[in-house]
Amino acid sequence: MSSIKRYASLIRAGKSPKFPLQPFLKRLSLTFNNTSSVTKSGPLVSVLNPTLSNTIRAASYLKHAARLGSKSHSKAAVNICLFTSTDDPVVTLADIHLLFTLRSSNLSTHKNQVSFPGGKLDKNDYPSSPPSSSPSSSPSSSLLSALKSACLRETSEELGPGLPPQKPWSSLPVIGYCDWVPAITPVAVYPVVTYGGFINVEEGRGAFNKTKCEGEVKEVFFSSIENIVGGYSRRVREKNRVPIKMPQFNVEECEVEIWGLTGIILEGFLDRILLKNLEEIEEAPK
C-alpha cells in the first residue's frame, strides 16, 4: 500500500497523526536536497512507478521522454509552495497547505486545469552561461540557481509581487528540488519545493486573487495536505489514444479535479514526504 493510501486510512479513522513542524521541515529538506538526482532519474522515479500500468505504455512514454534528451528541449520550473495555517509548533496534515492555481481559459495549453505556479526557464534566469541542455547531465549550481529564479519569477508574474504582508517572492526559502518530470509538450519540468511560513488561508486566498494575472490565472486557492490525501484516487484516462491509469485528486476548495502533469508531480511528492513522516511516527517511542 502506498504511503498516500496509508495516510488516507489514518485520516478516515480519525487518527491523523500530530508531529513537530520543524523536524518535518528538516526531513523535507533532507528528502529533496539530493541534487544529484535532479537531472538523472525523473521519468523512472516520478512517472513510471506507479503511474504507467504496463510495459507497453511505459515504452510509449519513455519514447516520448527520450526526446527530452535532445538539445531542442525546454526546461520549466514549478513551485510546490507549502504554508502552515497555525503558529503551533506541533501540527497535523490539516495545518499544512499547498498553493495551487486554476489556469485561465484564455491559455493555449492546459486551459482550465489546476497547476502549481511556474513556467519555462529563460536565459536571464541563469547566473552565467546555461549548462548542458540534456536532463541526463550532472546538476550544476548554475542550473539549480536558474530553477529557483524561474520558479519564483513565474510565481510573481502569476500571483503578484509577493506574500502578504509585503514579502517578495524572491525571499521565499527553497527547501529542495524534485526529480524532473517530462511533460507532453515536450518540456522537462522541475518541481521546486519552497516554504512560505504561516498564512491565514482565507486572507491569503483573497489577497492572491486580487493581485493575480487575469490572463494566466482564473483562480488561486490553498488545500491542506489532509484534504488532498483524502481526495486521492487513480483512474484511467486516455492520452493520445493510449489509456493510462493516472493519479487524480478531488479537493473541496476547487470544483476542478487535479490530474495530468500536476497530479503526477503531486503524487510523487506526497508519496515521498508521507513515507518519511510515517517512518518517523512509527519509529517514535510509544
C-alpha atoms as a PDB file:
ATOM      1  CA  MET A   1       0.000   0.000   0.000  1.00  0.00           C
ATOM      2  CA  SER A   2       1.334   3.444  -0.930  1.00  0.00           C
ATOM      3  CA  SER A   3       2.077   5.939   1.818  1.00  0.00           C
ATOM      4  CA  ILE A   4      -0.733   8.168   0.458  1.00  0.00           C
ATOM      5  CA  LYS A   5      -3.293   5.400   0.944  1.00  0.00           C
ATOM      6  CA  ARG A   6      -1.874   4.535   4.373  1.00  0.00           C
ATOM      7  CA  TYR A   7      -2.228   8.135   5.485  1.00  0.00           C
ATOM      8  CA  ALA A   8      -5.720   8.359   3.984  1.00  0.00           C
ATOM      9  CA  SER A   9      -6.721   5.324   6.078  1.00  0.00           C
ATOM     10  CA  LEU A  10      -5.479   7.044   9.236  1.00  0.00           C
ATOM     11  CA  ILE A  11      -7.429  10.200   8.360  1.00  0.00           C
ATOM     12  CA  ARG A  12     -10.655   8.268   7.684  1.00  0.00           C
ATOM     13  CA  ALA A  13     -10.234   6.534  11.044  1.00  0.00           C
ATOM     14  CA  GLY A  14      -9.876   9.894  12.777  1.00  0.00           C
ATOM     15  CA  LYS A  15      -6.236   9.198  13.617  1.00  0.00           C
ATOM     16  CA  SER A  16      -4.446  11.970  11.756  1.00  0.00           C
ATOM     17  CA  PRO A  17      -1.011  11.987  13.430  1.00  0.00           C
ATOM     18  CA  LYS A  18       0.435  15.060  15.119  1.00  0.00           C
ATOM     19  CA  PHE A  19       4.112  15.844  14.654  1.00  0.00           C
ATOM     20  CA  PRO A  20       6.566  18.691  15.374  1.00  0.00           C
ATOM     21  CA  LEU A  21       6.737  21.130  12.451  1.00  0.00           C
ATOM     22  CA  GLN A  22      10.467  21.898  12.453  1.00  0.00           C
ATOM     23  CA  PRO A  23      11.647  18.253  12.281  1.00  0.00           C
ATOM     24  CA  PHE A  24       9.088  17.724   9.496  1.00  0.00           C
ATOM     25  CA  LEU A  25      10.577  20.618   7.501  1.00  0.00           C
ATOM     26  CA  LYS A  26      14.068  19.262   8.148  1.00  0.00           C
ATOM     27  CA  ARG A  27      13.013  15.850   6.791  1.00  0.00           C
ATOM     28  CA  LEU A  28      11.639  17.619   3.696  1.00  0.00           C
ATOM     29  CA  SER A  29      14.974  19.342   3.173  1.00  0.00           C
ATOM     30  CA  LEU A  30      16.888  16.074   3.523  1.00  0.00           C
ATOM     31  CA  THR A  31      14.441  14.301   1.191  1.00  0.00           C
ATOM     32  CA  PHE A  32      14.621  16.843  -1.634  1.00  0.00           C
ATOM     33  CA  ASN A  33      18.168  18.144  -1.391  1.00  0.00           C
ATOM     34  CA  ASN A  34      19.767  15.155  -3.091  1.00  0.00           C
ATOM     35  CA  THR A  35      20.510  17.323  -6.114  1.00  0.00           C
ATOM     36  CA  SER A  36      22.447  14.549  -7.854  1.00  0.00           C
ATOM     37  CA  SER A  37      19.072  13.082  -8.854  1.00  0.00           C
ATOM     38  CA  VAL A  38      17.574  16.348 -10.128  1.00  0.00           C
ATOM     39  CA  THR A  39      18.673  15.765 -13.711  1.00  0.00           C
ATOM     40  CA  LYS A  40      19.056  11.995 -13.773  1.00  0.00           C
ATOM     41  CA  SER A  41      16.145   9.875 -12.613  1.00  0.00           C
ATOM     42  CA  GLY A  42      12.967  11.819 -13.227  1.00  0.00           C
ATOM     43  CA  PRO A  43      10.853   9.661 -15.542  1.00  0.00           C
ATOM     44  CA  LEU A  44      11.679   6.380 -13.811  1.00  0.00           C
ATOM     45  CA  VAL A  45      11.104   7.661 -10.283  1.00  0.00           C
ATOM     46  CA  SER A  46       8.286  10.138 -10.747  1.00  0.00           C
ATOM     47  CA  VAL A  47       6.269   8.651 -13.570  1.00  0.00           C
ATOM     48  CA  LEU A  48       6.830   5.015 -14.484  1.00  0.00           C
ATOM     49  CA  ASN A  49       6.354   3.746 -10.949  1.00  0.00           C
ATOM     50  CA  PRO A  50       3.439   3.566 -10.392  1.00  0.00           C
ATOM     51  CA  THR A  51       1.635   5.831 -12.901  1.00  0.00           C
ATOM     52  CA  LEU A  52       2.007   3.737 -16.061  1.00  0.00           C
ATOM     53  CA  SER A  53       0.424   0.338 -15.716  1.00  0.00           C
ATOM     54  CA  ASN A  54       2.271  -1.923 -18.152  1.00  0.00           C
ATOM     55  CA  THR A  55       5.459  -2.188 -20.201  1.00  0.00           C
ATOM     56  CA  ILE A  56       3.773  -1.255 -23.500  1.00  0.00           C
ATOM     57  CA  ARG A  57       2.541   2.048 -22.132  1.00  0.00           C
ATOM     58  CA  ALA A  58       5.814   2.544 -20.289  1.00  0.00           C
ATOM     59  CA  ALA A  59       7.750   2.047 -23.522  1.00  0.00           C
ATOM     60  CA  SER A  60       5.490   4.524 -25.294  1.00  0.00           C
ATOM     61  CA  TYR A  61       6.046   7.101 -22.576  1.00  0.00           C
ATOM     62  CA  LEU A  62       9.808   6.501 -22.499  1.00  0.00           C
ATOM     63  CA  LYS A  63       9.970   7.065 -26.253  1.00  0.00           C
ATOM     64  CA  HIS A  64       8.354  10.446 -25.696  1.00  0.00           C
ATOM     65  CA  ALA A  65      10.522  11.215 -22.651  1.00  0.00           C
ATOM     66  CA  ALA A  66      13.684  10.303 -24.553  1.00  0.00           C
ATOM     67  CA  ARG A  67      13.075  13.279 -26.852  1.00  0.00           C
ATOM     68  CA  LEU A  68      13.890  15.474 -23.883  1.00  0.00           C
ATOM     69  CA  GLY A  69      17.480  14.328 -24.191  1.00  0.00           C
ATOM     70  CA  SER A  70      17.852  16.349 -27.366  1.00  0.00           C
ATOM     71  CA  LYS A  71      19.280  19.859 -27.350  1.00  0.00           C
ATOM     72  CA  SER A  72      15.965  21.269 -28.571  1.00  0.00           C
ATOM     73  CA  HIS A  73      14.009  20.528 -25.404  1.00  0.00           C
ATOM     74  CA  SER A  74      12.889  23.217 -22.946  1.00  0.00           C
ATOM     75  CA  LYS A  75      13.070  23.297 -19.157  1.00  0.00           C
ATOM     76  CA  ALA A  76      10.425  24.609 -16.781  1.00  0.00           C
ATOM     77  CA  ALA A  77      10.205  25.003 -13.007  1.00  0.00           C
ATOM     78  CA  VAL A  78       7.053  24.796 -10.876  1.00  0.00           C
ATOM     79  CA  ASN A  79       6.633  25.953  -7.297  1.00  0.00           C
ATOM     80  CA  ILE A  80       5.386  23.407  -4.732  1.00  0.00           C
ATOM     81  CA  CYS A  81       4.851  26.021  -2.035  1.00  0.00           C
ATOM     82  CA  LEU A  82       3.944  24.895   1.493  1.00  0.00           C
ATOM     83  CA  PHE A  83       2.294  27.086   4.127  1.00  0.00           C
ATOM     84  CA  THR A  84       1.153  26.460   7.685  1.00  0.00           C
ATOM     85  CA  SER A  85      -2.206  27.741   8.925  1.00  0.00           C
ATOM     86  CA  THR A  86      -1.155  27.679  12.576  1.00  0.00           C
ATOM     87  CA  ASP A  87       1.788  29.000  14.551  1.00  0.00           C
ATOM     88  CA  ASP A  88       1.635  25.984  16.873  1.00  0.00           C
ATOM     89  CA  PRO A  89       4.945  24.051  16.838  1.00  0.00           C
ATOM     90  CA  VAL A  90       3.017  20.749  16.684  1.00  0.00           C
ATOM     91  CA  VAL A  91       0.843  20.241  13.609  1.00  0.00           C
ATOM     92  CA  THR A  92      -1.172  17.742  11.595  1.00  0.00           C
ATOM     93  CA  LEU A  93      -1.552  17.467   7.837  1.00  0.00           C
ATOM     94  CA  ALA A  94      -4.682  19.624   8.163  1.00  0.00           C
ATOM     95  CA  ASP A  95      -2.384  22.519   9.150  1.00  0.00           C
ATOM     96  CA  ILE A  96      -0.025  22.235   6.155  1.00  0.00           C
ATOM     97  CA  HIS A  97      -1.347  23.702   2.901  1.00  0.00           C
ATOM     98  CA  LEU A  98      -0.201  23.739  -0.710  1.00  0.00           C
ATOM     99  CA  LEU A  99      -0.763  26.634  -3.111  1.00  0.00           C
ATOM    100  CA  PHE A 100      -2.458  25.973  -6.469  1.00  0.00           C
ATOM    101  CA  THR A 101      -3.683  27.963  -9.444  1.00  0.00           C
ATOM    102  CA  LEU A 102      -6.575  27.241 -11.780  1.00  0.00           C
ATOM    103  CA  ARG A 103      -5.309  28.147 -15.225  1.00  0.00           C
ATOM    104  CA  SER A 104      -7.214  30.643 -17.352  1.00  0.00           C
ATOM    105  CA  SER A 105      -9.467  29.528 -20.201  1.00  0.00           C
ATOM    106  CA  ASN A 106      -7.568  32.010 -22.412  1.00  0.00           C
ATOM    107  CA  LEU A 107      -4.348  29.954 -22.399  1.00  0.00           C
ATOM    108  CA  SER A 108      -3.359  27.849 -25.402  1.00  0.00           C
ATOM    109  CA  THR A 109      -2.359  24.770 -23.349  1.00  0.00           C
ATOM    110  CA  HIS A 110      -3.742  23.112 -20.208  1.00  0.00           C
ATOM    111  CA  LYS A 111      -6.584  25.650 -20.015  1.00  0.00           C
ATOM    112  CA  ASN A 112      -8.969  25.338 -17.041  1.00  0.00           C
ATOM    113  CA  GLN A 113      -6.623  22.874 -15.332  1.00  0.00           C
ATOM    114  CA  VAL A 114      -5.163  23.026 -11.841  1.00  0.00           C
ATOM    115  CA  SER A 115      -1.428  23.641 -11.696  1.00  0.00           C
ATOM    116  CA  PHE A 116       1.400  24.817  -9.496  1.00  0.00           C
ATOM    117  CA  PRO A 117       2.711  28.317 -10.237  1.00  0.00           C
ATOM    118  CA  GLY A 118       5.657  28.204 -12.612  1.00  0.00           C
ATOM    119  CA  GLY A 119       6.855  28.292 -16.186  1.00  0.00           C
ATOM    120  CA  LYS A 120       9.754  27.944 -18.592  1.00  0.00           C
ATOM    121  CA  LEU A 121      13.311  28.972 -17.816  1.00  0.00           C
ATOM    122  CA  ASP A 122      14.760  31.785 -19.900  1.00  0.00           C
ATOM    123  CA  LYS A 123      18.358  32.880 -20.405  1.00  0.00           C
ATOM    124  CA  ASN A 124      18.076  35.628 -17.786  1.00  0.00           C
ATOM    125  CA  ASP A 125      17.381  33.014 -15.088  1.00  0.00           C
ATOM    126  CA  TYR A 126      20.941  31.675 -15.378  1.00  0.00           C
ATOM    127  CA  PRO A 127      23.637  33.459 -13.373  1.00  0.00           C
ATOM    128  CA  SER A 128      26.123  32.862 -16.211  1.00  0.00           C
ATOM    129  CA  SER A 129      26.207  30.607 -19.263  1.00  0.00           C
ATOM    130  CA  PRO A 130      23.478  27.908 -19.343  1.00  0.00           C
ATOM    131  CA  PRO A 131      24.556  24.315 -18.551  1.00  0.00           C
ATOM    132  CA  SER A 132      24.208  21.386 -20.913  1.00  0.00           C
ATOM    133  CA  SER A 133      20.622  21.137 -22.115  1.00  0.00           C
ATOM    134  CA  SER A 134      20.307  17.385 -21.536  1.00  0.00           C
ATOM    135  CA  PRO A 135      18.414  16.349 -18.370  1.00  0.00           C
ATOM    136  CA  SER A 136      20.844  13.439 -18.029  1.00  0.00           C
ATOM    137  CA  SER A 137      23.809  15.711 -17.375  1.00  0.00           C
ATOM    138  CA  SER A 138      25.088  16.265 -13.842  1.00  0.00           C
ATOM    139  CA  PRO A 139      23.319  19.089 -11.999  1.00  0.00           C
ATOM    140  CA  SER A 140      25.209  22.310 -11.587  1.00  0.00           C
ATOM    141  CA  SER A 141      24.913  25.314  -9.325  1.00  0.00           C
ATOM    142  CA  SER A 142      24.010  27.286 -12.460  1.00  0.00           C
ATOM    143  CA  LEU A 143      21.048  25.022 -13.208  1.00  0.00           C
ATOM    144  CA  LEU A 144      19.823  24.994  -9.604  1.00  0.00           C
ATOM    145  CA  SER A 145      20.088  28.781  -9.451  1.00  0.00           C
ATOM    146  CA  ALA A 146      18.142  29.061 -12.714  1.00  0.00           C
ATOM    147  CA  LEU A 147      15.415  26.709 -11.443  1.00  0.00           C
ATOM    148  CA  LYS A 148      14.980  28.812  -8.300  1.00  0.00           C
ATOM    149  CA  SER A 149      14.986  32.061 -10.284  1.00  0.00           C
ATOM    150  CA  ALA A 150      12.423  30.820 -12.833  1.00  0.00           C
ATOM    151  CA  CYS A 151      10.213  29.277 -10.163  1.00  0.00           C
ATOM    152  CA  LEU A 152       9.997  32.475  -8.082  1.00  0.00           C
ATOM    153  CA  ARG A 153       9.875  34.807 -11.110  1.00  0.00           C
ATOM    154  CA  GLU A 154       6.960  32.903 -12.649  1.00  0.00           C
ATOM    155  CA  THR A 155       5.169  32.759  -9.283  1.00  0.00           C
ATOM    156  CA  SER A 156       5.482  36.530  -9.013  1.00  0.00           C
ATOM    157  CA  GLU A 157       4.223  37.027 -12.571  1.00  0.00           C
ATOM    158  CA  GLU A 158       1.186  34.802 -11.978  1.00  0.00           C
ATOM    159  CA  LEU A 159       0.218  35.747  -8.420  1.00  0.00           C
ATOM    160  CA  GLY A 160       1.510  39.273  -7.888  1.00  0.00           C
ATOM    161  CA  PRO A 161       4.580  40.852  -6.290  1.00  0.00           C
ATOM    162  CA  GLY A 162       4.735  38.815  -3.103  1.00  0.00           C
ATOM    163  CA  LEU A 163       3.342  37.225   0.019  1.00  0.00           C
ATOM    164  CA  PRO A 164       1.122  39.181   2.373  1.00  0.00           C
ATOM    165  CA  PRO A 165       2.161  41.401   4.030  1.00  0.00           C
ATOM    166  CA  GLN A 166       4.704  42.904   1.604  1.00  0.00           C
ATOM    167  CA  LYS A 167       7.099  39.948   1.444  1.00  0.00           C
ATOM    168  CA  PRO A 168       8.637  39.477  -2.032  1.00  0.00           C
ATOM    169  CA  TRP A 169       8.636  36.021  -3.599  1.00  0.00           C
ATOM    170  CA  SER A 170      12.403  36.323  -4.070  1.00  0.00           C
ATOM    171  CA  SER A 171      12.793  35.986  -0.292  1.00  0.00           C
ATOM    172  CA  LEU A 172      10.999  32.623  -0.227  1.00  0.00           C
ATOM    173  CA  PRO A 173      13.332  29.881   1.077  1.00  0.00           C
ATOM    174  CA  VAL A 174      13.839  26.843  -1.151  1.00  0.00           C
ATOM    175  CA  ILE A 175      13.634  23.518   0.712  1.00  0.00           C
ATOM    176  CA  GLY A 176      14.792  21.379  -2.190  1.00  0.00           C
ATOM    177  CA  TYR A 177      14.314  20.076  -5.726  1.00  0.00           C
ATOM    178  CA  CYS A 178      12.318  17.099  -7.004  1.00  0.00           C
ATOM    179  CA  ASP A 179      13.241  14.806  -9.888  1.00  0.00           C
ATOM    180  CA  TRP A 180      12.365  16.231 -13.284  1.00  0.00           C
ATOM    181  CA  VAL A 181       9.179  15.018 -14.946  1.00  0.00           C
ATOM    182  CA  PRO A 182       8.566  15.002 -18.730  1.00  0.00           C
ATOM    183  CA  ALA A 183       5.516  16.917 -19.909  1.00  0.00           C
ATOM    184  CA  ILE A 184       3.593  16.072 -23.069  1.00  0.00           C
ATOM    185  CA  THR A 185       4.689  19.327 -24.749  1.00  0.00           C
ATOM    186  CA  PRO A 186       7.681  18.156 -24.513  1.00  0.00           C
ATOM    187  CA  VAL A 187       9.199  20.089 -21.626  1.00  0.00           C
ATOM    188  CA  ALA A 188      11.342  18.820 -18.750  1.00  0.00           C
ATOM    189  CA  VAL A 189       9.534  20.098 -15.642  1.00  0.00           C
ATOM    190  CA  TYR A 190      11.499  20.519 -12.404  1.00  0.00           C
ATOM    191  CA  PRO A 191       9.395  20.896  -9.215  1.00  0.00           C
ATOM    192  CA  VAL A 192      10.984  23.261  -6.667  1.00  0.00           C
ATOM    193  CA  VAL A 193       9.829  22.851  -3.048  1.00  0.00           C
ATOM    194  CA  THR A 194       9.512  26.103  -1.072  1.00  0.00           C
ATOM    195  CA  TYR A 195       8.156  27.139   2.320  1.00  0.00           C
ATOM    196  CA  GLY A 196       6.084  30.293   2.799  1.00  0.00           C
ATOM    197  CA  GLY A 197       5.644  30.057   6.583  1.00  0.00           C
ATOM    198  CA  PHE A 198       2.440  30.937   8.408  1.00  0.00           C
ATOM    199  CA  ILE A 199      -0.515  32.298   6.474  1.00  0.00           C
ATOM    200  CA  ASN A 200      -4.184  32.928   7.160  1.00  0.00           C
ATOM    201  CA  VAL A 201      -5.516  30.776   4.337  1.00  0.00           C
ATOM    202  CA  GLU A 202      -8.693  32.747   3.650  1.00  0.00           C
ATOM    203  CA  GLU A 203      -6.926  36.103   3.768  1.00  0.00           C
ATOM    204  CA  GLY A 204      -4.099  34.777   1.601  1.00  0.00           C
ATOM    205  CA  ARG A 205      -6.513  33.392  -0.968  1.00  0.00           C
ATOM    206  CA  GLY A 206      -8.342  36.699  -1.125  1.00  0.00           C
ATOM    207  CA  ALA A 207      -5.098  38.679  -1.470  1.00  0.00           C
ATOM    208  CA  PHE A 208      -3.711  36.496  -4.261  1.00  0.00           C
ATOM    209  CA  ASN A 209      -6.983  36.552  -6.180  1.00  0.00           C
ATOM    210  CA  LYS A 210      -6.816  40.364  -6.161  1.00  0.00           C
ATOM    211  CA  THR A 211      -3.212  40.518  -7.459  1.00  0.00           C
ATOM    212  CA  LYS A 212      -3.180  37.502  -9.820  1.00  0.00           C
ATOM    213  CA  CYS A 213      -2.518  37.831 -13.544  1.00  0.00           C
ATOM    214  CA  GLU A 214      -6.003  37.617 -15.061  1.00  0.00           C
ATOM    215  CA  GLY A 215      -4.658  36.489 -18.423  1.00  0.00           C
ATOM    216  CA  GLU A 216      -2.998  33.401 -16.946  1.00  0.00           C
ATOM    217  CA  VAL A 217      -4.800  32.567 -13.723  1.00  0.00           C
ATOM    218  CA  LYS A 218      -8.527  32.111 -13.230  1.00  0.00           C
ATOM    219  CA  GLU A 219      -8.335  31.383  -9.507  1.00  0.00           C
ATOM    220  CA  VAL A 220      -5.808  30.901  -6.694  1.00  0.00           C
ATOM    221  CA  PHE A 221      -6.549  28.503  -3.841  1.00  0.00           C
ATOM    222  CA  PHE A 222      -4.955  26.563  -0.991  1.00  0.00           C
ATOM    223  CA  SER A 223      -5.683  22.995   0.043  1.00  0.00           C
ATOM    224  CA  SER A 224      -4.403  21.169   3.099  1.00  0.00           C
ATOM    225  CA  ILE A 225      -2.387  18.006   2.607  1.00  0.00           C
ATOM    226  CA  GLU A 226      -5.052  16.208   4.645  1.00  0.00           C
ATOM    227  CA  ASN A 227      -7.770  17.245   2.156  1.00  0.00           C
ATOM    228  CA  ILE A 228      -5.538  16.396  -0.801  1.00  0.00           C
ATOM    229  CA  VAL A 229      -4.713  12.934   0.561  1.00  0.00           C
ATOM    230  CA  GLY A 230      -8.391  12.325   1.370  1.00  0.00           C
ATOM    231  CA  GLY A 231      -9.343  13.082  -2.254  1.00  0.00           C
ATOM    232  CA  TYR A 232      -6.736  10.790  -3.838  1.00  0.00           C
ATOM    233  CA  SER A 233      -7.669   8.134  -6.387  1.00  0.00           C
ATOM    234  CA  ARG A 234      -6.323   6.626  -9.575  1.00  0.00           C
ATOM    235  CA  ARG A 235      -8.376   6.377 -12.777  1.00  0.00           C
ATOM    236  CA  VAL A 236      -7.864   5.511 -16.419  1.00  0.00           C
ATOM    237  CA  ARG A 237      -7.632   8.423 -18.836  1.00  0.00           C
ATOM    238  CA  GLU A 238      -6.670   8.499 -22.493  1.00  0.00           C
ATOM    239  CA  LYS A 239      -3.558  10.402 -23.581  1.00  0.00           C
ATOM    240  CA  ASN A 240      -3.007  10.368 -27.351  1.00  0.00           C
ATOM    241  CA  ARG A 241      -5.454   7.442 -27.597  1.00  0.00           C
ATOM    242  CA  VAL A 242      -3.449   5.424 -25.068  1.00  0.00           C
ATOM    243  CA  PRO A 243      -5.323   4.503 -21.862  1.00  0.00           C
ATOM    244  CA  ILE A 244      -3.169   5.394 -18.844  1.00  0.00           C
ATOM    245  CA  LYS A 245      -4.027   4.930 -15.189  1.00  0.00           C
ATOM    246  CA  MET A 246      -3.260   8.313 -13.669  1.00  0.00           C
ATOM    247  CA  PRO A 247      -3.486   9.902 -10.218  1.00  0.00           C
ATOM    248  CA  GLN A 248      -6.390  12.215  -9.516  1.00  0.00           C
ATOM    249  CA  PHE A 249      -7.151  14.429  -6.524  1.00  0.00           C
ATOM    250  CA  ASN A 250     -10.555  15.912  -5.762  1.00  0.00           C
ATOM    251  CA  VAL A 251     -10.406  18.734  -3.215  1.00  0.00           C
ATOM    252  CA  GLU A 252     -13.271  20.738  -1.746  1.00  0.00           C
ATOM    253  CA  GLU A 253     -11.546  24.077  -2.414  1.00  0.00           C
ATOM    254  CA  CYS A 254     -11.838  23.695  -6.212  1.00  0.00           C
ATOM    255  CA  GLU A 255     -14.535  22.175  -8.415  1.00  0.00           C
ATOM    256  CA  VAL A 256     -11.917  21.024 -10.961  1.00  0.00           C
ATOM    257  CA  GLU A 257     -10.010  17.834 -10.170  1.00  0.00           C
ATOM    258  CA  ILE A 258      -6.203  17.832 -10.018  1.00  0.00           C
ATOM    259  CA  TRP A 259      -4.803  15.429 -12.609  1.00  0.00           C
ATOM    260  CA  GLY A 260      -2.380  15.267 -15.549  1.00  0.00           C
ATOM    261  CA  LEU A 261       1.163  16.509 -15.013  1.00  0.00           C
ATOM    262  CA  THR A 262       0.217  18.293 -11.764  1.00  0.00           C
ATOM    263  CA  GLY A 263      -1.368  15.084 -10.451  1.00  0.00           C
ATOM    264  CA  ILE A 264       1.753  13.082 -11.329  1.00  0.00           C
ATOM    265  CA  ILE A 265       4.038  15.603  -9.614  1.00  0.00           C
ATOM    266  CA  LEU A 266       1.733  15.813  -6.586  1.00  0.00           C
ATOM    267  CA  GLU A 267       1.507  12.021  -6.220  1.00  0.00           C
ATOM    268  CA  GLY A 268       5.293  11.617  -6.322  1.00  0.00           C
ATOM    269  CA  PHE A 269       5.860  14.498  -3.897  1.00  0.00           C
ATOM    270  CA  LEU A 270       3.265  13.303  -1.372  1.00  0.00           C
ATOM    271  CA  ASP A 271       4.336   9.670  -1.536  1.00  0.00           C
ATOM    272  CA  ARG A 272       7.897  10.611  -0.622  1.00  0.00           C
ATOM    273  CA  ILE A 273       7.148  13.057   2.201  1.00  0.00           C
ATOM    274  CA  LEU A 274       4.396  10.919   3.737  1.00  0.00           C
ATOM    275  CA  LEU A 275       6.589   7.822   3.654  1.00  0.00           C
ATOM    276  CA  LYS A 276       9.308   9.685   5.567  1.00  0.00           C
ATOM    277  CA  ASN A 277       6.768  11.039   8.039  1.00  0.00           C
ATOM    278  CA  LEU A 278       5.154   7.639   8.616  1.00  0.00           C
ATOM    279  CA  GLU A 279       8.566   6.093   9.255  1.00  0.00           C
ATOM    280  CA  GLU A 280       9.333   8.764  11.870  1.00  0.00           C
ATOM    281  CA  ILE A 281       5.927   8.353  13.546  1.00  0.00           C
ATOM    282  CA  GLU A 282       6.089   4.549  13.594  1.00  0.00           C
ATOM    283  CA  GLU A 283       9.652   4.572  14.970  1.00  0.00           C
ATOM    284  CA  ALA A 284       8.886   7.121  17.708  1.00  0.00           C
ATOM    285  CA  PRO A 285       8.601   5.839  21.306  1.00  0.00           C
ATOM    286  CA  LYS A 286       5.011   4.993  22.230  1.00  0.00           C
END
